[in-house]
C-alpha cells in the first residue's frame, strides 16, 4: 500500500470513528434527557468511552481533548436535567469523563502526539 493510499485509508477510518462517536453521544443524551427508556441514567457512563478511544492513535492532543469536551458537555446537560434521587450516576459520569480525558491526553502527549 502506498503512502498516499495509506493516508486515504486512515482518513476514512477516522471519519467513521468521528461519526460513530457523535451518533453514540447524541443517542445517549436524547435517551437520558427525554426519558424514553425506563432507566436512562444507566447509559451515562458510556460518555466516558469517546475520550478514552480518541487517544488511540491520536497524533495531537486536540482529538482527545475535543472528544472529552463534547462528552463533558453532554454529561453536564444530563446531570442538570436528571430528575429524582439518582444524581450520583451523572456526577460520577462527569468525574469519569474528566479522568478518561486526562488519561487519554496524557497518553497522547507521552507517545509523541
PDB file of N, CA and C in Angstrom:
ATOM      1  N   UNK A   1       0.852  -1.170   0.000  1.00  0.00           N
ATOM      2  CA  UNK A   1       0.000   0.000   0.000  1.00  0.00           C
ATOM      3  C   UNK A   1       0.899   1.236   0.000  1.00  0.00           C
ATOM      4  N   UNK A   2       0.643   2.142  -0.899  1.00  0.00           N
ATOM      5  CA  UNK A   2       1.459   3.348  -0.988  1.00  0.00           C
ATOM      6  C   UNK A   2       1.139   4.297   0.163  1.00  0.00           C
ATOM      7  N   UNK A   3       2.021   5.276   0.323  1.00  0.00           N
ATOM      8  CA  UNK A   3       1.853   6.229   1.403  1.00  0.00           C
ATOM      9  C   UNK A   3       0.560   7.027   1.246  1.00  0.00           C
ATOM     10  N   UNK A   4       0.244   7.442   0.018  1.00  0.00           N
ATOM     11  CA  UNK A   4      -0.983   8.204  -0.237  1.00  0.00           C
ATOM     12  C   UNK A   4      -2.226   7.350   0.000  1.00  0.00           C
ATOM     13  N   UNK A   5      -2.177   6.114  -0.433  1.00  0.00           N
ATOM     14  CA  UNK A   5      -3.307   5.219  -0.216  1.00  0.00           C
ATOM     15  C   UNK A   5      -3.507   4.971   1.272  1.00  0.00           C
ATOM     16  N   UNK A   6      -2.408   4.859   2.000  1.00  0.00           N
ATOM     17  CA  UNK A   6      -2.490   4.655   3.447  1.00  0.00           C
ATOM     18  C   UNK A   6      -3.127   5.862   4.138  1.00  0.00           C
ATOM     19  N   UNK A   7      -2.763   7.072   3.708  1.00  0.00           N
ATOM     20  CA  UNK A   7      -3.358   8.276   4.279  1.00  0.00           C
ATOM     21  C   UNK A   7      -4.854   8.340   3.983  1.00  0.00           C
ATOM     22  N   UNK A   8      -5.251   7.989   2.769  1.00  0.00           N
ATOM     23  CA  UNK A   8      -6.669   7.996   2.413  1.00  0.00           C
ATOM     24  C   UNK A   8      -7.438   6.985   3.259  1.00  0.00           C
ATOM     25  N   UNK A   9      -6.848   5.815   3.464  1.00  0.00           N
ATOM     26  CA  UNK A   9      -7.480   4.787   4.294  1.00  0.00           C
ATOM     27  C   UNK A   9      -7.605   5.266   5.729  1.00  0.00           C
ATOM     28  N   UNK A  10      -6.571   5.881   6.275  1.00  0.00           N
ATOM     29  CA  UNK A  10      -6.621   6.407   7.638  1.00  0.00           C
ATOM     30  C   UNK A  10      -7.681   7.494   7.772  1.00  0.00           C
ATOM     31  N   UNK A  11      -7.826   8.338   6.760  1.00  0.00           N
ATOM     32  CA  UNK A  11      -8.833   9.396   6.791  1.00  0.00           C
ATOM     33  C   UNK A  11     -10.240   8.805   6.812  1.00  0.00           C
ATOM     34  N   UNK A  12     -10.469   7.751   6.023  1.00  0.00           N
ATOM     35  CA  UNK A  12     -11.791   7.108   6.033  1.00  0.00           C
ATOM     36  C   UNK A  12     -12.073   6.465   7.381  1.00  0.00           C
ATOM     37  N   UNK A  13     -11.088   5.809   7.974  1.00  0.00           N
ATOM     38  CA  UNK A  13     -11.281   5.197   9.287  1.00  0.00           C
ATOM     39  C   UNK A  13     -11.583   6.266  10.318  1.00  0.00           C
ATOM     40  N   UNK A  14     -10.885   7.391  10.260  1.00  0.00           N
ATOM     41  CA  UNK A  14     -11.111   8.473  11.209  1.00  0.00           C
ATOM     42  C   UNK A  14     -12.517   9.042  11.047  1.00  0.00           C
ATOM     43  N   UNK A  15     -12.989   9.150   9.808  1.00  0.00           N
ATOM     44  CA  UNK A  15     -14.327   9.668   9.559  1.00  0.00           C
ATOM     45  C   UNK A  15     -15.385   8.776  10.207  1.00  0.00           C
ATOM     46  N   UNK A  16     -15.233   7.455  10.074  1.00  0.00           N
ATOM     47  CA  UNK A  16     -16.187   6.536  10.692  1.00  0.00           C
ATOM     48  C   UNK A  16     -16.138   6.618  12.203  1.00  0.00           C
ATOM     49  N   UNK A  17     -14.952   6.758  12.767  1.00  0.00           N
ATOM     50  CA  UNK A  17     -14.828   6.897  14.213  1.00  0.00           C
ATOM     51  C   UNK A  17     -15.526   8.165  14.682  1.00  0.00           C
ATOM     52  N   UNK A  18     -15.303   9.257  13.966  1.00  0.00           N
ATOM     53  CA  UNK A  18     -15.931  10.531  14.318  1.00  0.00           C
ATOM     54  C   UNK A  18     -17.458  10.403  14.258  1.00  0.00           C
ATOM     55  N   UNK A  19     -17.963   9.826  13.194  1.00  0.00           N
ATOM     56  CA  UNK A  19     -19.407   9.704  13.013  1.00  0.00           C
ATOM     57  C   UNK A  19     -20.029   8.792  14.058  1.00  0.00           C
ATOM     58  N   UNK A  20     -19.422   7.639  14.292  1.00  0.00           N
ATOM     59  CA  UNK A  20     -19.960   6.695  15.271  1.00  0.00           C
ATOM     60  C   UNK A  20     -19.961   7.295  16.672  1.00  0.00           C
ATOM     61  N   UNK A  21     -18.922   8.009  17.010  1.00  0.00           N
ATOM     62  CA  UNK A  21     -18.843   8.637  18.328  1.00  0.00           C
ATOM     63  C   UNK A  21     -19.902   9.713  18.477  1.00  0.00           C
ATOM     64  N   UNK A  22     -20.061  10.535  17.465  1.00  0.00           N
ATOM     65  CA  UNK A  22     -21.068  11.599  17.517  1.00  0.00           C
ATOM     66  C   UNK A  22     -22.474  11.020  17.658  1.00  0.00           C
ATOM     67  N   UNK A  23     -22.768   9.985  16.897  1.00  0.00           N
ATOM     68  CA  UNK A  23     -24.083   9.351  16.975  1.00  0.00           C
ATOM     69  C   UNK A  23     -24.308   8.758  18.371  1.00  0.00           C
ATOM     70  N   UNK A  24     -23.307   8.094  18.909  1.00  0.00           N
ATOM     71  CA  UNK A  24     -23.453   7.490  20.239  1.00  0.00           C
ATOM     72  C   UNK A  24     -23.717   8.545  21.309  1.00  0.00           C
ATOM     73  N   UNK A  25     -22.984   9.642  21.269  1.00  0.00           N
ATOM     74  CA  UNK A  25     -23.182  10.699  22.266  1.00  0.00           C
ATOM     75  C   UNK A  25     -24.572  11.309  22.119  1.00  0.00           C
ATOM     76  N   UNK A  26     -24.994  11.567  20.901  1.00  0.00           N
ATOM     77  CA  UNK A  26     -26.320  12.156  20.673  1.00  0.00           C
ATOM     78  C   UNK A  26     -27.416  11.218  21.162  1.00  0.00           C
ATOM     79  N   UNK A  27     -27.301   9.933  20.884  1.00  0.00           N
ATOM     80  CA  UNK A  27     -28.300   8.963  21.326  1.00  0.00           C
ATOM     81  C   UNK A  27     -28.363   8.910  22.850  1.00  0.00           C
ATOM     82  N   UNK A  28     -27.227   8.866  23.507  1.00  0.00           N
ATOM     83  CA  UNK A  28     -27.212   8.831  24.975  1.00  0.00           C
ATOM     84  C   UNK A  28     -27.883  10.077  25.546  1.00  0.00           C
ATOM     85  N   UNK A  29     -27.555  11.232  25.010  1.00  0.00           N
ATOM     86  CA  UNK A  29     -28.157  12.469  25.517  1.00  0.00           C
ATOM     87  C   UNK A  29     -29.661  12.482  25.288  1.00  0.00           C
ATOM     88  N   UNK A  30     -30.101  12.116  24.095  1.00  0.00           N
ATOM     89  CA  UNK A  30     -31.545  12.114  23.808  1.00  0.00           C
ATOM     90  C   UNK A  30     -32.283  11.147  24.720  1.00  0.00           C
ATOM     91  N   UNK A  31     -31.750   9.941  24.883  1.00  0.00           N
ATOM     92  CA  UNK A  31     -32.411   8.947  25.728  1.00  0.00           C
ATOM     93  C   UNK A  31     -32.466   9.422  27.178  1.00  0.00           C
ATOM     94  N   UNK A  32     -31.385  10.029  27.652  1.00  0.00           N
ATOM     95  CA  UNK A  32     -31.355  10.461  29.052  1.00  0.00           C
ATOM     96  C   UNK A  32     -32.212  11.696  29.308  1.00  0.00           C
ATOM     97  N   UNK A  33     -32.227  12.624  28.392  1.00  0.00           N
ATOM     98  CA  UNK A  33     -32.978  13.861  28.606  1.00  0.00           C
ATOM     99  C   UNK A  33     -34.477  13.648  28.408  1.00  0.00           C
ATOM    100  N   UNK A  34     -34.856  12.819  27.449  1.00  0.00           N
ATOM    101  CA  UNK A  34     -36.280  12.618  27.178  1.00  0.00           C
ATOM    102  C   UNK A  34     -36.895  11.472  27.980  1.00  0.00           C
ATOM    103  N   UNK A  35     -36.083  10.702  28.679  1.00  0.00           N
ATOM    104  CA  UNK A  35     -36.556   9.579  29.497  1.00  0.00           C
ATOM    105  C   UNK A  35     -37.384   8.578  28.690  1.00  0.00           C
ATOM    106  N   UNK A  36     -36.947   8.252  27.478  1.00  0.00           N
ATOM    107  CA  UNK A  36     -37.674   7.294  26.652  1.00  0.00           C
ATOM    108  C   UNK A  36     -37.390   5.845  27.051  1.00  0.00           C
ATOM    109  N   UNK A  37     -36.461   5.653  27.937  1.00  0.00           N
ATOM    110  CA  UNK A  37     -36.128   4.313  28.425  1.00  0.00           C
ATOM    111  C   UNK A  37     -36.425   4.287  29.914  1.00  0.00           C
ATOM    112  N   UNK A  38     -36.676   3.132  30.480  1.00  0.00           N
ATOM    113  CA  UNK A  38     -37.050   3.064  31.888  1.00  0.00           C
ATOM    114  C   UNK A  38     -35.912   3.442  32.830  1.00  0.00           C
ATOM    115  N   UNK A  39     -34.680   3.217  32.440  1.00  0.00           N
ATOM    116  CA  UNK A  39     -33.527   3.559  33.277  1.00  0.00           C
ATOM    117  C   UNK A  39     -32.485   4.298  32.448  1.00  0.00           C
ATOM    118  N   UNK A  40     -32.807   5.518  31.999  1.00  0.00           N
ATOM    119  CA  UNK A  40     -31.908   6.199  31.065  1.00  0.00           C
ATOM    120  C   UNK A  40     -30.549   6.559  31.646  1.00  0.00           C
ATOM    121  N   UNK A  41     -30.479   6.823  32.937  1.00  0.00           N
ATOM    122  CA  UNK A  41     -29.208   7.247  33.513  1.00  0.00           C
ATOM    123  C   UNK A  41     -28.172   6.136  33.531  1.00  0.00           C
ATOM    124  N   UNK A  42     -28.598   4.907  33.320  1.00  0.00           N
ATOM    125  CA  UNK A  42     -27.632   3.811  33.250  1.00  0.00           C
ATOM    126  C   UNK A  42     -26.756   3.922  32.006  1.00  0.00           C
ATOM    127  N   UNK A  43     -27.172   4.724  31.027  1.00  0.00           N
ATOM    128  CA  UNK A  43     -26.380   4.911  29.812  1.00  0.00           C
ATOM    129  C   UNK A  43     -25.305   5.974  29.972  1.00  0.00           C
ATOM    130  N   UNK A  44     -25.421   6.836  30.957  1.00  0.00           N
ATOM    131  CA  UNK A  44     -24.491   7.963  31.061  1.00  0.00           C
ATOM    132  C   UNK A  44     -23.022   7.558  31.196  1.00  0.00           C
ATOM    133  N   UNK A  45     -22.670   6.470  31.868  1.00  0.00           N
ATOM    134  CA  UNK A  45     -21.245   6.112  31.917  1.00  0.00           C
ATOM    135  C   UNK A  45     -20.631   5.852  30.544  1.00  0.00           C
ATOM    136  N   UNK A  46     -21.453   5.582  29.536  1.00  0.00           N
ATOM    137  CA  UNK A  46     -20.927   5.394  28.179  1.00  0.00           C
ATOM    138  C   UNK A  46     -20.273   6.658  27.635  1.00  0.00           C
ATOM    139  N   UNK A  47     -20.559   7.805  28.224  1.00  0.00           N
ATOM    140  CA  UNK A  47     -19.957   9.053  27.767  1.00  0.00           C
ATOM    141  C   UNK A  47     -18.459   9.126  28.069  1.00  0.00           C
ATOM    142  N   UNK A  48     -17.947   8.256  28.915  1.00  0.00           N
ATOM    143  CA  UNK A  48     -16.512   8.226  29.199  1.00  0.00           C
ATOM    144  C   UNK A  48     -15.739   7.457  28.128  1.00  0.00           C
ATOM    145  N   UNK A  49     -16.443   6.736  27.273  1.00  0.00           N
ATOM    146  CA  UNK A  49     -15.778   5.935  26.245  1.00  0.00           C
ATOM    147  C   UNK A  49     -15.179   6.781  25.117  1.00  0.00           C
ATOM    148  N   UNK A  50     -15.887   7.774  24.561  1.00  0.00           N
ATOM    149  CA  UNK A  50     -15.289   8.539  23.455  1.00  0.00           C
ATOM    150  C   UNK A  50     -13.939   9.179  23.768  1.00  0.00           C
ATOM    151  N   UNK A  51     -13.759   9.845  24.922  1.00  0.00           N
ATOM    152  CA  UNK A  51     -12.423  10.393  25.162  1.00  0.00           C
ATOM    153  C   UNK A  51     -11.357   9.313  25.336  1.00  0.00           C
ATOM    154  N   UNK A  52     -11.747   8.172  25.854  1.00  0.00           N
ATOM    155  CA  UNK A  52     -10.777   7.080  26.006  1.00  0.00           C
ATOM    156  C   UNK A  52     -10.329   6.565  24.648  1.00  0.00           C
ATOM    157  N   UNK A  53     -11.270   6.373  23.741  1.00  0.00           N
ATOM    158  CA  UNK A  53     -10.929   5.874  22.406  1.00  0.00           C
ATOM    159  C   UNK A  53     -10.253   6.922  21.538  1.00  0.00           C
ATOM    160  N   UNK A  54     -10.502   8.186  21.821  1.00  0.00           N
ATOM    161  CA  UNK A  54      -9.937   9.256  20.994  1.00  0.00           C
ATOM    162  C   UNK A  54      -8.416   9.302  21.079  1.00  0.00           C
ATOM    163  N   UNK A  55      -7.870   8.853  22.175  1.00  0.00           N
ATOM    164  CA  UNK A  55      -6.424   8.880  22.323  1.00  0.00           C
ATOM    165  C   UNK A  55      -5.700   7.775  21.589  1.00  0.00           C
ATOM    166  N   UNK A  56      -6.439   6.753  21.167  1.00  0.00           N
ATOM    167  CA  UNK A  56      -5.818   5.637  20.477  1.00  0.00           C
ATOM    168  C   UNK A  56      -5.358   6.090  19.097  1.00  0.00           C
ATOM    169  N   UNK A  57      -4.077   6.127  18.907  1.00  0.00           N
ATOM    170  CA  UNK A  57      -3.515   6.511  17.622  1.00  0.00           C
ATOM    171  C   UNK A  57      -3.578   7.990  17.304  1.00  0.00           C
ATOM    172  N   UNK A  58      -3.987   8.808  18.270  1.00  0.00           N
ATOM    173  CA  UNK A  58      -4.083  10.250  18.016  1.00  0.00           C
ATOM    174  C   UNK A  58      -2.688  10.840  17.847  1.00  0.00           C
ATOM    175  N   UNK A  59      -2.580  11.759  16.919  1.00  0.00           N
ATOM    176  CA  UNK A  59      -1.287  12.391  16.664  1.00  0.00           C
ATOM    177  C   UNK A  59      -1.163  13.744  17.355  1.00  0.00           C
ATOM    178  N   UNK A  60      -2.279  14.253  17.881  1.00  0.00           N
ATOM    179  CA  UNK A  60      -2.236  15.523  18.597  1.00  0.00           C
ATOM    180  C   UNK A  60      -3.179  15.469  19.789  1.00  0.00           C
ATOM    181  N   UNK A  61      -2.979  16.383  20.704  1.00  0.00           N
ATOM    182  CA  UNK A  61      -3.828  16.440  21.893  1.00  0.00           C
ATOM    183  C   UNK A  61      -5.234  16.927  21.574  1.00  0.00           C
ATOM    184  N   UNK A  62      -5.412  17.525  20.422  1.00  0.00           N
ATOM    185  CA  UNK A  62      -6.707  18.099  20.071  1.00  0.00           C
ATOM    186  C   UNK A  62      -7.824  17.058  20.075  1.00  0.00           C
ATOM    187  N   UNK A  63      -7.569  15.888  19.516  1.00  0.00           N
ATOM    188  CA  UNK A  63      -8.629  14.873  19.412  1.00  0.00           C
ATOM    189  C   UNK A  63      -9.131  14.404  20.788  1.00  0.00           C
ATOM    190  N   UNK A  64      -8.276  13.936  21.704  1.00  0.00           N
ATOM    191  CA  UNK A  64      -8.821  13.507  22.995  1.00  0.00           C
ATOM    192  C   UNK A  64      -9.449  14.651  23.785  1.00  0.00           C
ATOM    193  N   UNK A  65      -8.885  15.851  23.679  1.00  0.00           N
ATOM    194  CA  UNK A  65      -9.461  16.985  24.396  1.00  0.00           C
ATOM    195  C   UNK A  65     -10.815  17.390  23.813  1.00  0.00           C
ATOM    196  N   UNK A  66     -10.954  17.334  22.496  1.00  0.00           N
ATOM    197  CA  UNK A  66     -12.229  17.676  21.865  1.00  0.00           C
ATOM    198  C   UNK A  66     -13.309  16.649  22.216  1.00  0.00           C
ATOM    199  N   UNK A  67     -12.951  15.379  22.126  1.00  0.00           N
ATOM    200  CA  UNK A  67     -13.913  14.342  22.484  1.00  0.00           C
ATOM    201  C   UNK A  67     -14.300  14.468  23.959  1.00  0.00           C
ATOM    202  N   UNK A  68     -13.319  14.745  24.802  1.00  0.00           N
ATOM    203  CA  UNK A  68     -13.599  14.920  26.224  1.00  0.00           C
ATOM    204  C   UNK A  68     -14.506  16.105  26.487  1.00  0.00           C
ATOM    205  N   UNK A  69     -14.287  17.199  25.767  1.00  0.00           N
ATOM    206  CA  UNK A  69     -15.123  18.392  25.951  1.00  0.00           C
ATOM    207  C   UNK A  69     -16.567  18.120  25.548  1.00  0.00           C
ATOM    208  N   UNK A  70     -16.756  17.459  24.418  1.00  0.00           N
ATOM    209  CA  UNK A  70     -18.120  17.140  23.966  1.00  0.00           C
ATOM    210  C   UNK A  70     -18.803  16.195  24.945  1.00  0.00           C
ATOM    211  N   UNK A  71     -18.091  15.178  25.395  1.00  0.00           N
ATOM    212  CA  UNK A  71     -18.660  14.236  26.358  1.00  0.00           C
ATOM    213  C   UNK A  71     -18.961  14.914  27.688  1.00  0.00           C
ATOM    214  N   UNK A  72     -18.096  15.829  28.096  1.00  0.00           N
ATOM    215  CA  UNK A  72     -18.314  16.544  29.350  1.00  0.00           C
ATOM    216  C   UNK A  72     -19.551  17.435  29.271  1.00  0.00           C
ATOM    217  N   UNK A  73     -19.718  18.134  28.169  1.00  0.00           N
ATOM    218  CA  UNK A  73     -20.918  18.962  27.996  1.00  0.00           C
ATOM    219  C   UNK A  73     -22.171  18.085  28.030  1.00  0.00           C
ATOM    220  N   UNK A  74     -22.124  16.959  27.353  1.00  0.00           N
ATOM    221  CA  UNK A  74     -23.270  16.039  27.358  1.00  0.00           C
ATOM    222  C   UNK A  74     -23.553  15.530  28.767  1.00  0.00           C
ATOM    223  N   UNK A  75     -22.511  15.175  29.510  1.00  0.00           N
ATOM    224  CA  UNK A  75     -22.698  14.680  30.879  1.00  0.00           C
ATOM    225  C   UNK A  75     -23.271  15.764  31.781  1.00  0.00           C
ATOM    226  N   UNK A  76     -22.846  16.997  31.590  1.00  0.00           N
ATOM    227  CA  UNK A  76     -23.368  18.097  32.407  1.00  0.00           C
ATOM    228  C   UNK A  76     -24.838  18.356  32.079  1.00  0.00           C
ATOM    229  N   UNK A  77     -25.182  18.328  30.796  1.00  0.00           N
ATOM    230  CA  UNK A  77     -26.591  18.504  30.404  1.00  0.00           C
ATOM    231  C   UNK A  77     -27.455  17.426  31.038  1.00  0.00           C
ATOM    232  N   UNK A  78     -26.975  16.193  30.995  1.00  0.00           N
ATOM    233  CA  UNK A  78     -27.736  15.090  31.595  1.00  0.00           C
ATOM    234  C   UNK A  78     -27.842  15.266  33.102  1.00  0.00           C
ATOM    235  N   UNK A  79     -26.759  15.677  33.745  1.00  0.00           N
ATOM    236  CA  UNK A  79     -26.790  15.875  35.203  1.00  0.00           C
ATOM    237  C   UNK A  79     -27.770  16.981  35.581  1.00  0.00           C
ATOM    238  N   UNK A  80     -27.828  18.027  34.785  1.00  0.00           N
ATOM    239  CA  UNK A  80     -28.737  19.137  35.090  1.00  0.00           C
ATOM    240  C   UNK A  80     -30.201  18.783  34.843  1.00  0.00           C
ATOM    241  N   UNK A  81     -30.451  17.874  33.931  1.00  0.00           N
ATOM    242  CA  UNK A  81     -31.835  17.510  33.613  1.00  0.00           C
ATOM    243  C   UNK A  81     -32.292  16.241  34.331  1.00  0.00           C
ATOM    244  N   UNK A  82     -31.417  15.568  35.048  1.00  0.00           N
ATOM    245  CA  UNK A  82     -31.790  14.333  35.738  1.00  0.00           C
ATOM    246  C   UNK A  82     -32.777  14.651  36.857  1.00  0.00           C
ATOM    247  N   UNK A  83     -33.774  13.816  36.950  1.00  0.00           N
ATOM    248  CA  UNK A  83     -34.770  14.022  37.994  1.00  0.00           C
ATOM    249  C   UNK A  83     -34.723  12.879  38.992  1.00  0.00           C
ATOM    250  N   UNK A  84     -35.254  13.129  40.148  1.00  0.00           N
ATOM    251  CA  UNK A  84     -35.313  12.087  41.162  1.00  0.00           C
ATOM    252  C   UNK A  84     -34.075  12.042  42.036  1.00  0.00           C
ATOM    253  N   UNK A  85     -33.889  10.893  42.661  1.00  0.00           N
ATOM    254  CA  UNK A  85     -32.807  10.715  43.623  1.00  0.00           C
ATOM    255  C   UNK A  85     -31.552  10.109  43.004  1.00  0.00           C
ATOM    256  N   UNK A  86     -31.440  10.113  41.722  1.00  0.00           N
ATOM    257  CA  UNK A  86     -30.341   9.417  41.050  1.00  0.00           C
ATOM    258  C   UNK A  86     -29.288  10.375  40.503  1.00  0.00           C
ATOM    259  N   UNK A  87     -28.903  11.369  41.265  1.00  0.00           N
ATOM    260  CA  UNK A  87     -27.897  12.314  40.786  1.00  0.00           C
ATOM    261  C   UNK A  87     -26.470  11.797  40.956  1.00  0.00           C
ATOM    262  N   UNK A  88     -26.291  10.663  41.626  1.00  0.00           N
ATOM    263  CA  UNK A  88     -24.951  10.130  41.815  1.00  0.00           C
ATOM    264  C   UNK A  88     -24.354   9.616  40.511  1.00  0.00           C
ATOM    265  N   UNK A  89     -25.158   8.977  39.674  1.00  0.00           N
ATOM    266  CA  UNK A  89     -24.649   8.415  38.418  1.00  0.00           C
ATOM    267  C   UNK A  89     -24.188   9.512  37.463  1.00  0.00           C
ATOM    268  N   UNK A  90     -24.976  10.577  37.235  1.00  0.00           N
ATOM    269  CA  UNK A  90     -24.476  11.641  36.349  1.00  0.00           C
ATOM    270  C   UNK A  90     -23.243  12.349  36.901  1.00  0.00           C
ATOM    271  N   UNK A  91     -23.164  12.530  38.201  1.00  0.00           N
ATOM    272  CA  UNK A  91     -21.982  13.167  38.792  1.00  0.00           C
ATOM    273  C   UNK A  91     -20.771  12.253  38.640  1.00  0.00           C
ATOM    274  N   UNK A  92     -20.956  10.968  38.871  1.00  0.00           N
ATOM    275  CA  UNK A  92     -19.857  10.018  38.678  1.00  0.00           C
ATOM    276  C   UNK A  92     -19.435   9.973  37.210  1.00  0.00           C
ATOM    277  N   UNK A  93     -20.378  10.148  36.304  1.00  0.00           N
ATOM    278  CA  UNK A  93     -20.058  10.177  34.878  1.00  0.00           C
ATOM    279  C   UNK A  93     -19.203  11.390  34.539  1.00  0.00           C
ATOM    280  N   UNK A  94     -19.521  12.536  35.120  1.00  0.00           N
ATOM    281  CA  UNK A  94     -18.715  13.741  34.898  1.00  0.00           C
ATOM    282  C   UNK A  94     -17.285  13.495  35.348  1.00  0.00           C
ATOM    283  N   UNK A  95     -17.121  12.905  36.516  1.00  0.00           N
ATOM    284  CA  UNK A  95     -15.781  12.598  37.019  1.00  0.00           C
ATOM    285  C   UNK A  95     -15.076  11.608  36.092  1.00  0.00           C
ATOM    286  N   UNK A  96     -15.784  10.579  35.651  1.00  0.00           N
ATOM    287  CA  UNK A  96     -15.187   9.574  34.759  1.00  0.00           C
ATOM    288  C   UNK A  96     -14.759  10.191  33.430  1.00  0.00           C
ATOM    289  N   UNK A  97     -15.562  11.088  32.889  1.00  0.00           N
ATOM    290  CA  UNK A  97     -15.213  11.743  31.621  1.00  0.00           C
ATOM    291  C   UNK A  97     -13.951  12.586  31.796  1.00  0.00           C
ATOM    292  N   UNK A  98     -13.884  13.336  32.887  1.00  0.00           N
ATOM    293  CA  UNK A  98     -12.705  14.172  33.140  1.00  0.00           C
ATOM    294  C   UNK A  98     -11.458  13.309  33.302  1.00  0.00           C
ATOM    295  N   UNK A  99     -11.566  12.231  34.067  1.00  0.00           N
ATOM    296  CA  UNK A  99     -10.416  11.350  34.302  1.00  0.00           C
ATOM    297  C   UNK A  99      -9.977  10.673  33.005  1.00  0.00           C
ATOM    298  N   UNK A 100     -10.924  10.153  32.220  1.00  0.00           N
ATOM    299  CA  UNK A 100     -10.562   9.483  30.969  1.00  0.00           C
ATOM    300  C   UNK A 100      -9.974  10.452  29.959  1.00  0.00           C
ATOM    301  N   UNK A 101     -10.475  11.681  29.948  1.00  0.00           N
ATOM    302  CA  UNK A 101      -9.908  12.680  29.042  1.00  0.00           C
ATOM    303  C   UNK A 101      -8.471  12.992  29.440  1.00  0.00           C
ATOM    304  N   UNK A 102      -8.222  13.135  30.732  1.00  0.00           N
ATOM    305  CA  UNK A 102      -6.857  13.423  31.210  1.00  0.00           C
ATOM    306  C   UNK A 102      -5.920  12.266  30.885  1.00  0.00           C
ATOM    307  N   UNK A 103      -6.359  11.042  31.105  1.00  0.00           N
ATOM    308  CA  UNK A 103      -5.524   9.876  30.824  1.00  0.00           C
ATOM    309  C   UNK A 103      -5.254   9.768  29.322  1.00  0.00           C
ATOM    310  N   UNK A 104      -6.269   9.956  28.513  1.00  0.00           N
ATOM    311  CA  UNK A 104      -6.110   9.874  27.060  1.00  0.00           C
ATOM    312  C   UNK A 104      -5.189  10.960  26.541  1.00  0.00           C
ATOM    313  N   UNK A 105      -5.358  12.178  27.038  1.00  0.00           N
ATOM    314  CA  UNK A 105      -4.497  13.288  26.613  1.00  0.00           C
ATOM    315  C   UNK A 105      -3.046  13.053  27.061  1.00  0.00           C
ATOM    316  N   UNK A 106      -2.857  12.549  28.275  1.00  0.00           N
ATOM    317  CA  UNK A 106      -1.519  12.266  28.773  1.00  0.00           C
ATOM    318  C   UNK A 106      -0.848  11.168  27.940  1.00  0.00           C
ATOM    319  N   UNK A 107      -1.600  10.135  27.620  1.00  0.00           N
ATOM    320  CA  UNK A 107      -1.043   9.056  26.808  1.00  0.00           C
ATOM    321  C   UNK A 107      -0.656   9.562  25.425  1.00  0.00           C
ATOM    322  N   UNK A 108      -1.479  10.435  24.870  1.00  0.00           N
ATOM    323  CA  UNK A 108      -1.152  11.025  23.561  1.00  0.00           C
ATOM    324  C   UNK A 108       0.107  11.879  23.641  1.00  0.00           C
ATOM    325  N   UNK A 109       0.208  12.671  24.699  1.00  0.00           N
ATOM    326  CA  UNK A 109       1.370  13.536  24.865  1.00  0.00           C
ATOM    327  C   UNK A 109       2.648  12.718  25.063  1.00  0.00           C
ATOM    328  N   UNK A 110       2.566  11.650  25.855  1.00  0.00           N
ATOM    329  CA  UNK A 110       3.752  10.846  26.115  1.00  0.00           C
ATOM    330  C   UNK A 110       4.155   9.994  24.912  1.00  0.00           C
ATOM    331  N   UNK A 111       3.203   9.733  24.020  1.00  0.00           N
ATOM    332  CA  UNK A 111       3.544   8.921  22.846  1.00  0.00           C
ATOM    333  C   UNK A 111       4.051   9.782  21.686  1.00  0.00           C
ATOM    334  N   UNK A 112       4.169  11.057  21.932  1.00  0.00           N
ATOM    335  CA  UNK A 112       4.722  11.927  20.906  1.00  0.00           C
ATOM    336  C   UNK A 112       3.696  12.716  20.143  1.00  0.00           C
ATOM    337  N   UNK A 113       2.433  12.745  20.627  1.00  0.00           N
ATOM    338  CA  UNK A 113       1.373  13.457  19.910  1.00  0.00           C
ATOM    339  C   UNK A 113       1.380  14.934  20.147  1.00  0.00           C
TER     340      UNK A 113
END
